[in-house]
Amino acid sequence: MLLLAGLVGCGGRPAPDTQAAAVQQVLDRRATAVLDGDRSAFLATGARTPDAASRAATEAAEFDNLRAVPLAAWSYRLTALHRTGDRATADAQLRYRIRGYDRAPVTAARVLRLTRTGGRWYVASDEPAGKSGRQLWEQGAVEVVRGRHSLVLGAGQPRDVLRTYADLADRAVPAVTEAWGTDWPGHVVVLVPRSLAGMAGLLGAPASGYRGIAAVTTAETGGAGKAPADRVVINPDAYATLGALGRQVVLTHETTHVATRAHTTPSTPLWLSEGYADWVGYRRSGRTPAQVAPELDRSVALGHVPTALPGDADFAFAGDAERLAGAYEGGWMACRMIADRWGEARLNDFYRAVGDHPGRAGAVEGALKKVLGTTPERFTRDWRAYLKSRLG
């Protein structure tokens, strides 16, 4: 009876796990120390066993790496606790916001290993969970450069290099606002790791899939007000191979994804989201279709006109390079055609209408009818004719 009373609360319900509450408390102290910039308090949450000394040194370095980041919030939410005596593994969700940039917390899944000494829990390690990406401050000291419309965070990059990215982003933001409108925050956060390997680490993905990709934008899709500020993640290896125009187009393309995020949902096909971002990127470039779409230009010249708009699978980074280039070019030409024939305002309305539809099925068809007064079959025919008239 005494054993039963210790395990079961009133009404036969399990008693609360007091150790979970104790672990949450140490995570809370850890978060407070980060926000306060209190190195001693942060290190006091670390395990004090001999085998934890090496990891403690690493965590101390990561705390120092984080100092320059302007944090508005930092917290952990314990989601699961697995205990064996005085050792435990905690699954937690790290939530943080950068002051002046994030509208909602950015979240990252973490796995923390803890040990209990003298009745108190201490953190022995704090790592990304599963395939979750690492954070920039886990790759080295973070350098921060502020632009008029941008915040650039770099690790292992000279400050003057980070300033060039801020300048590119500061030109991209007004260009995107001119094309899309003002219903977005009007600023962008850019992450510049040391190398392609660093980029892949931030994304939690193999480097091979991003070898020729100069930048990507990461964020949760969702309705207005629910998506945090996107992170434009740079591949410095690929970026270095681009000319001046290419560098600007890439930053403007990725900034477009930031601006359109609230209306980019699972209903939005990639030909539209990527094509629109390219359309904004090249909008004031003065480049001709043949210059922007060389793969399609060669294909059309040989009489091989695509029979359908690119599918989502055509945009796979790890796929055939020519197929990928043709997909981006096909999406860009479709958006360019809409802007030419129906006007830029209708192109924006079309994008929003597709993204705001509840589900992929019928999203494009409904927007084509409602906004452009056409059908998928007619639109595809017009697009193919547009390719033949502008390319080849």
Protein backbone atom coordinates (compact mmCIF):
# COMPACT_ATOMS: atom_id res chain seq x y z
CA MET A 1 0.00 0.00 0.00
CA LEU A 2 2.83 2.44 0.75
CA LEU A 3 4.44 1.73 -2.63
CA LEU A 4 1.11 2.22 -4.40
CA ALA A 5 0.52 5.50 -2.59
CA GLY A 6 3.91 6.76 -3.73
CA LEU A 7 3.21 6.10 -7.39
CA VAL A 8 -0.45 7.02 -7.76
CA GLY A 9 -2.04 10.35 -7.01
CA CYS A 10 -5.64 11.25 -6.21
CA GLY A 11 -8.25 9.60 -8.39
CA GLY A 12 -5.81 6.91 -9.53
CA ARG A 13 -3.83 9.28 -11.82
CA PRO A 14 -0.01 8.96 -12.04
CA ALA A 15 1.83 11.38 -9.80
CA PRO A 16 3.67 14.17 -11.63
CA ASP A 17 7.28 13.46 -12.57
CA THR A 18 9.15 15.80 -10.24
CA GLN A 19 12.41 15.04 -12.06
CA ALA A 20 10.99 16.40 -15.31
CA ALA A 21 10.17 19.62 -13.48
CA ALA A 22 13.70 19.71 -12.07
CA VAL A 23 15.20 19.25 -15.53
CA GLN A 24 12.99 22.01 -16.93
CA GLN A 25 14.27 24.27 -14.16
CA VAL A 26 17.91 23.75 -15.13
CA LEU A 27 16.99 24.41 -18.76
CA ASP A 28 15.28 27.62 -17.68
CA ARG A 29 18.39 28.70 -15.77
CA ARG A 30 20.48 27.92 -18.83
CA ALA A 31 18.20 30.04 -21.04
CA THR A 32 18.25 32.96 -18.60
CA ALA A 33 22.05 32.87 -18.55
CA VAL A 34 22.16 33.06 -22.35
CA LEU A 35 19.81 36.05 -22.45
CA ASP A 36 21.70 37.79 -19.65
CA GLY A 37 25.07 37.07 -21.22
CA ASP A 38 26.11 35.53 -17.90
CA ARG A 39 28.89 33.09 -18.72
CA SER A 40 29.38 31.94 -15.11
CA ALA A 41 25.69 31.17 -14.66
CA PHE A 42 25.63 29.30 -17.97
CA LEU A 43 28.65 27.17 -17.06
CA ALA A 44 27.11 26.48 -13.64
CA THR A 45 24.36 24.50 -15.42
CA GLY A 46 26.97 22.15 -16.91
CA ALA A 47 27.84 18.69 -15.62
CA ARG A 48 30.75 18.44 -13.20
CA THR A 49 31.94 14.94 -13.95
CA PRO A 50 35.47 14.31 -15.34
CA ASP A 51 34.16 12.85 -18.59
CA ALA A 52 32.14 16.02 -19.21
CA ALA A 53 35.16 18.36 -19.08
CA SER A 54 35.80 18.30 -22.84
CA ARG A 55 32.17 18.95 -23.68
CA ALA A 56 32.04 21.73 -21.09
CA ALA A 57 34.91 23.49 -22.88
CA THR A 58 33.02 23.19 -26.16
CA GLU A 59 29.84 24.61 -24.63
CA ALA A 60 31.81 27.49 -23.12
CA ALA A 61 33.17 28.30 -26.58
CA GLU A 62 29.67 28.14 -28.11
CA PHE A 63 28.37 30.50 -25.41
CA ASP A 64 31.14 32.95 -26.30
CA ASN A 65 30.39 32.51 -30.02
CA LEU A 66 26.79 33.53 -29.37
CA ARG A 67 27.57 36.79 -27.56
CA ALA A 68 27.29 39.11 -30.59
CA VAL A 69 23.86 37.80 -31.68
CA PRO A 70 21.12 40.30 -30.65
CA LEU A 71 18.71 37.92 -28.94
CA ALA A 72 15.23 38.99 -27.90
CA ALA A 73 14.21 35.57 -26.55
CA TRP A 74 15.76 32.17 -25.79
CA SER A 75 14.02 29.26 -24.11
CA TYR A 76 13.84 25.48 -23.93
CA ARG A 77 10.66 23.42 -23.75
CA LEU A 78 11.13 19.91 -22.45
CA THR A 79 9.18 17.46 -24.61
CA ALA A 80 10.40 14.09 -23.28
CA LEU A 81 12.66 12.79 -20.53
CA HIS A 82 14.28 9.35 -20.42
CA ARG A 83 15.90 8.56 -17.03
CA THR A 84 18.13 5.82 -15.73
CA GLY A 85 19.17 6.55 -12.18
CA ASP A 86 21.30 9.68 -12.10
CA ARG A 87 21.53 9.97 -15.89
CA ALA A 88 18.92 11.25 -18.29
CA THR A 89 18.37 12.19 -21.91
CA ALA A 90 16.02 15.07 -22.61
CA ASP A 91 14.29 15.92 -25.86
CA ALA A 92 13.68 19.65 -26.01
CA GLN A 93 12.64 22.39 -28.34
CA LEU A 94 14.93 25.41 -28.43
CA ARG A 95 13.02 28.59 -29.26
CA TYR A 96 14.74 31.90 -29.93
CA ARG A 97 14.13 35.26 -31.58
CA ILE A 98 16.55 37.83 -32.98
CA ARG A 99 15.63 41.31 -31.81
CA GLY A 100 13.97 43.41 -34.50
CA TYR A 101 13.85 40.60 -37.09
CA ASP A 102 11.90 37.55 -35.94
CA ARG A 103 8.11 37.89 -35.70
CA ALA A 104 7.83 34.51 -34.00
CA PRO A 105 10.35 32.16 -32.39
CA VAL A 106 12.63 30.11 -34.58
CA THR A 107 12.55 26.53 -33.32
CA ALA A 108 15.23 23.85 -33.26
CA ALA A 109 14.97 20.29 -31.92
CA ARG A 110 17.71 19.47 -29.41
CA VAL A 111 18.84 16.43 -27.43
CA LEU A 112 20.40 17.13 -24.03
CA ARG A 113 22.18 14.59 -21.85
CA LEU A 114 22.15 15.26 -18.13
CA THR A 115 23.65 13.89 -14.96
CA ARG A 116 22.42 14.29 -11.38
CA THR A 117 24.86 15.21 -8.63
CA GLY A 118 23.88 16.06 -5.07
CA GLY A 119 20.22 15.88 -6.00
CA ARG A 120 20.54 18.45 -8.82
CA TRP A 121 20.57 17.96 -12.58
CA TYR A 122 23.36 19.31 -14.80
CA VAL A 123 23.71 19.42 -18.60
CA ALA A 124 26.45 17.19 -19.97
CA SER A 125 25.77 17.89 -23.65
CA ASP A 126 23.37 19.85 -25.88
CA GLU A 127 23.23 18.70 -29.52
CA PRO A 128 20.93 18.96 -32.56
CA ALA A 129 18.31 16.19 -32.61
CA GLY A 130 18.43 13.67 -35.44
CA LYS A 131 18.80 15.42 -38.78
CA SER A 132 18.20 18.89 -37.38
CA GLY A 133 20.71 21.49 -38.48
CA ARG A 134 23.40 22.95 -36.29
CA GLN A 135 23.31 26.61 -35.31
CA LEU A 136 25.79 29.12 -36.72
CA TRP A 137 27.40 29.67 -33.30
CA GLU A 138 28.20 25.97 -33.17
CA GLN A 139 30.53 26.58 -36.13
CA GLY A 140 32.59 29.40 -34.66
CA ALA A 141 32.48 32.95 -33.32
CA VAL A 142 29.60 34.89 -34.90
CA GLU A 143 30.40 38.22 -36.52
CA VAL A 144 27.42 40.56 -36.97
CA VAL A 145 27.06 43.22 -39.67
CA ARG A 146 23.97 45.42 -39.78
CA GLY A 147 22.64 46.94 -42.98
CA ARG A 148 19.78 49.34 -43.59
CA HIS A 149 17.42 46.44 -44.34
CA SER A 150 19.49 43.44 -43.31
CA LEU A 151 21.30 41.60 -40.57
CA VAL A 152 24.22 39.44 -41.69
CA LEU A 153 25.62 36.80 -39.33
CA GLY A 154 28.84 35.11 -40.33
CA ALA A 155 31.17 32.45 -38.91
CA GLY A 156 34.71 32.16 -40.23
CA GLN A 157 34.23 35.09 -42.61
CA PRO A 158 36.03 38.48 -42.63
CA ARG A 159 33.92 41.46 -41.69
CA ASP A 160 34.46 43.15 -45.07
CA VAL A 161 33.07 40.07 -46.83
CA LEU A 162 29.99 40.14 -44.62
CA ARG A 163 29.56 43.82 -45.46
CA THR A 164 29.30 42.95 -49.18
CA TYR A 165 26.42 40.60 -48.38
CA ALA A 166 24.71 43.32 -46.37
CA ASP A 167 25.05 45.70 -49.32
CA LEU A 168 23.52 43.14 -51.67
CA ALA A 169 20.65 42.48 -49.26
CA ASP A 170 20.07 46.21 -48.79
CA ARG A 171 19.58 46.56 -52.54
CA ALA A 172 17.43 43.43 -52.70
CA VAL A 173 14.88 44.47 -50.08
CA PRO A 174 13.64 47.67 -51.85
CA ALA A 175 13.56 45.79 -55.19
CA VAL A 176 11.37 43.09 -53.67
CA THR A 177 9.07 45.62 -52.00
CA GLU A 178 8.67 47.45 -55.32
CA ALA A 179 7.57 44.22 -57.02
CA TRP A 180 5.60 42.46 -54.25
CA GLY A 181 4.32 45.27 -52.04
CA THR A 182 4.71 46.25 -48.41
CA ASP A 183 2.89 43.40 -46.64
CA TRP A 184 6.09 41.95 -45.25
CA PRO A 185 8.59 43.17 -42.61
CA GLY A 186 10.99 44.63 -45.19
CA HIS A 187 14.21 43.17 -43.83
CA VAL A 188 16.19 39.96 -44.14
CA VAL A 189 18.60 37.86 -42.06
CA VAL A 190 21.55 36.35 -43.95
CA LEU A 191 23.73 33.54 -42.58
CA VAL A 192 27.22 33.15 -44.06
CA PRO A 193 29.10 30.04 -42.87
CA ARG A 194 32.74 29.36 -43.67
CA SER A 195 32.12 26.91 -46.51
CA LEU A 196 29.70 24.58 -48.30
CA ALA A 197 30.18 22.09 -45.45
CA GLY A 198 29.09 24.78 -43.01
CA MET A 199 26.02 25.53 -45.10
CA ALA A 200 25.08 21.85 -45.17
CA GLY A 201 25.55 21.69 -41.40
CA LEU A 202 23.12 24.56 -40.87
CA LEU A 203 20.57 22.80 -43.07
CA GLY A 204 21.12 19.34 -41.56
CA ALA A 205 21.66 17.89 -45.03
CA PRO A 206 24.47 16.33 -47.10
CA ALA A 207 26.77 18.87 -48.75
CA SER A 208 26.50 17.04 -52.08
CA GLY A 209 22.93 18.24 -52.54
CA TYR A 210 23.93 21.92 -52.40
CA ARG A 211 27.27 21.94 -54.18
CA GLY A 212 26.16 24.20 -57.04
CA ILE A 213 23.50 26.13 -55.09
CA ALA A 214 24.58 29.65 -54.14
CA ALA A 215 21.93 30.21 -51.45
CA VAL A 216 18.71 28.84 -50.00
CA THR A 217 15.99 30.27 -47.79
CA THR A 218 14.75 28.34 -44.78
CA ALA A 219 11.60 28.89 -42.71
CA GLU A 220 8.33 27.30 -41.74
CA THR A 221 5.54 27.96 -44.20
CA GLY A 222 2.31 29.25 -42.75
CA GLY A 223 -0.19 32.05 -42.54
CA ALA A 224 0.61 35.70 -41.95
CA GLY A 225 2.11 36.34 -38.56
CA LYS A 226 2.96 32.68 -37.93
CA ALA A 227 6.20 32.35 -39.89
CA PRO A 228 9.42 33.55 -38.29
CA ALA A 229 11.84 35.66 -40.27
CA ASP A 230 13.49 33.46 -42.85
CA ARG A 231 17.20 32.80 -42.87
CA VAL A 232 18.93 33.19 -46.21
CA VAL A 233 21.77 30.68 -45.97
CA ILE A 234 24.75 31.33 -48.25
CA ASN A 235 27.00 28.76 -49.88
CA PRO A 236 30.17 30.88 -50.04
CA ASP A 237 31.92 28.38 -52.32
CA ALA A 238 29.27 28.64 -55.05
CA TYR A 239 28.62 32.34 -54.43
CA ALA A 240 32.25 33.15 -55.15
CA THR A 241 31.88 31.86 -58.72
CA LEU A 242 29.10 34.33 -59.58
CA GLY A 243 29.52 37.69 -61.27
CA ALA A 244 28.13 40.93 -59.91
CA LEU A 245 24.71 40.49 -61.53
CA GLY A 246 24.45 36.87 -60.47
CA ARG A 247 25.20 37.72 -56.85
CA GLN A 248 22.54 40.41 -56.81
CA VAL A 249 19.95 38.21 -58.53
CA VAL A 250 20.54 35.42 -56.02
CA LEU A 251 20.06 37.69 -52.98
CA THR A 252 17.00 39.30 -54.54
CA HIS A 253 15.57 35.86 -55.38
CA GLU A 254 16.02 34.62 -51.82
CA THR A 255 14.70 37.87 -50.34
CA THR A 256 11.59 37.38 -52.47
CA HIS A 257 11.02 34.06 -50.70
CA VAL A 258 11.19 35.93 -47.39
CA ALA A 259 8.62 38.48 -48.57
CA THR A 260 6.20 35.94 -50.02
CA ARG A 261 6.48 33.38 -47.21
CA ALA A 262 3.08 34.05 -45.65
CA HIS A 263 1.43 33.28 -49.02
CA THR A 264 3.74 30.38 -49.95
CA THR A 265 2.06 27.22 -48.72
CA PRO A 266 1.80 23.54 -49.66
CA SER A 267 -0.73 24.75 -52.25
CA THR A 268 2.00 26.61 -54.15
CA PRO A 269 3.77 24.64 -56.90
CA LEU A 270 7.51 25.18 -57.18
CA TRP A 271 7.25 26.50 -60.72
CA LEU A 272 5.33 29.43 -59.27
CA SER A 273 7.34 30.10 -56.09
CA GLU A 274 10.73 29.70 -57.79
CA GLY A 275 9.61 31.30 -61.05
CA TYR A 276 8.23 34.33 -59.22
CA ALA A 277 11.42 34.73 -57.17
CA ASP A 278 13.47 34.65 -60.39
CA TRP A 279 11.06 37.09 -62.02
CA VAL A 280 11.67 39.59 -59.22
CA GLY A 281 15.41 38.89 -59.31
CA TYR A 282 15.71 39.68 -63.02
CA ARG A 283 12.93 42.28 -63.15
CA ARG A 284 15.19 45.34 -63.52
CA SER A 285 18.22 43.56 -64.97
CA GLY A 286 17.59 44.33 -68.65
CA ARG A 287 18.44 40.74 -69.55
CA THR A 288 16.63 39.08 -72.44
CA PRO A 289 14.83 35.73 -72.17
CA ALA A 290 17.62 34.05 -74.13
CA GLN A 291 20.19 35.37 -71.64
CA VAL A 292 18.22 34.35 -68.57
CA ALA A 293 16.98 31.00 -69.93
CA PRO A 294 19.85 29.51 -71.97
CA GLU A 295 18.82 25.87 -71.43
CA LEU A 296 15.29 26.49 -72.69
CA ASP A 297 16.64 28.66 -75.48
CA ARG A 298 18.78 25.80 -76.77
CA SER A 299 15.94 23.33 -76.38
CA VAL A 300 13.43 25.48 -78.25
CA ALA A 301 15.99 26.17 -81.00
CA LEU A 302 16.21 22.41 -81.53
CA GLY A 303 12.43 22.14 -81.71
CA HIS A 304 12.06 20.60 -78.26
CA VAL A 305 9.41 22.74 -76.58
CA PRO A 306 8.30 21.44 -73.16
CA THR A 307 4.81 20.02 -73.19
CA ALA A 308 3.99 20.91 -69.57
CA LEU A 309 5.03 23.29 -66.85
CA PRO A 310 7.82 21.98 -64.58
CA GLY A 311 6.75 19.63 -61.80
CA ASP A 312 8.02 19.86 -58.24
CA ALA A 313 10.34 16.88 -58.83
CA ASP A 314 12.15 18.82 -61.56
CA PHE A 315 13.47 21.22 -58.91
CA ALA A 316 15.43 18.59 -56.94
CA PHE A 317 18.89 20.00 -56.17
CA ALA A 318 20.47 16.56 -56.35
CA GLY A 319 19.03 15.83 -59.79
CA ASP A 320 20.25 16.53 -63.30
CA ALA A 321 21.73 20.05 -63.58
CA GLU A 322 20.21 20.75 -67.00
CA ARG A 323 16.80 19.57 -65.86
CA LEU A 324 17.04 21.80 -62.79
CA ALA A 325 18.08 24.82 -64.84
CA GLY A 326 15.24 24.19 -67.30
CA ALA A 327 12.74 23.98 -64.44
CA TYR A 328 13.76 27.35 -63.02
CA GLU A 329 13.74 28.90 -66.48
CA GLY A 330 10.33 27.44 -67.29
CA GLY A 331 8.84 28.82 -64.09
CA TRP A 332 10.44 32.22 -64.72
CA MET A 333 9.04 32.34 -68.26
CA ALA A 334 5.55 31.47 -66.97
CA CYS A 335 5.65 34.33 -64.45
CA ARG A 336 7.13 36.67 -67.05
CA MET A 337 4.30 35.78 -69.42
CA ILE A 338 1.68 36.56 -66.76
CA ALA A 339 3.32 39.92 -66.05
CA ASP A 340 3.54 40.73 -69.77
CA ARG A 341 -0.01 39.68 -70.65
CA TRP A 342 -2.06 40.41 -67.53
CA GLY A 343 0.18 42.88 -65.70
CA GLU A 344 2.35 42.72 -62.59
CA ALA A 345 -0.54 43.35 -60.19
CA ARG A 346 -2.38 40.32 -61.56
CA LEU A 347 0.76 38.22 -61.20
CA ASN A 348 0.88 39.13 -57.50
CA ASP A 349 -2.83 38.44 -57.12
CA PHE A 350 -2.39 35.07 -58.81
CA TYR A 351 0.47 34.13 -56.48
CA ARG A 352 -1.54 35.02 -53.40
CA ALA A 353 -4.66 33.26 -54.64
CA VAL A 354 -2.77 30.02 -55.25
CA GLY A 355 -1.03 30.07 -51.88
CA ASP A 356 -4.18 30.98 -49.96
CA HIS A 357 -6.14 28.02 -51.39
CA PRO A 358 -6.81 25.22 -48.85
CA GLY A 359 -4.69 22.46 -50.39
CA ARG A 360 -2.80 21.79 -53.63
CA ALA A 361 -5.75 20.25 -55.48
CA GLY A 362 -7.55 22.96 -57.43
CA ALA A 363 -5.28 25.78 -56.25
CA VAL A 364 -3.74 26.68 -59.61
CA GLU A 365 -6.91 25.88 -61.54
CA GLY A 366 -9.01 28.11 -59.30
CA ALA A 367 -6.57 31.02 -59.42
CA LEU A 368 -6.22 30.77 -63.20
CA LYS A 369 -9.98 31.05 -63.56
CA LYS A 370 -10.58 33.69 -60.88
CA VAL A 371 -7.57 35.96 -61.44
CA LEU A 372 -6.54 35.40 -65.06
CA GLY A 373 -9.78 34.18 -66.63
CA THR A 374 -8.19 31.13 -68.21
CA THR A 375 -7.84 27.37 -67.79
CA PRO A 376 -4.81 25.14 -67.14
CA GLU A 377 -4.96 23.77 -70.70
CA ARG A 378 -5.15 27.20 -72.29
CA PHE A 379 -2.48 28.59 -69.99
CA THR A 380 -0.08 25.77 -70.91
CA ARG A 381 -0.73 26.33 -74.62
CA ASP A 382 -0.10 30.05 -74.20
CA TRP A 383 3.09 29.35 -72.24
CA ARG A 384 4.42 27.03 -74.95
CA ALA A 385 3.64 29.64 -77.59
CA TYR A 386 5.35 32.28 -75.44
CA LEU A 387 8.48 30.13 -75.23
CA LYS A 388 8.57 29.75 -79.01
CA SER A 389 8.04 33.46 -79.60
CA ARG A 390 10.72 34.61 -77.13
CA LEU A 391 13.32 31.84 -77.43
CA GLY A 392 15.05 29.71 -80.01
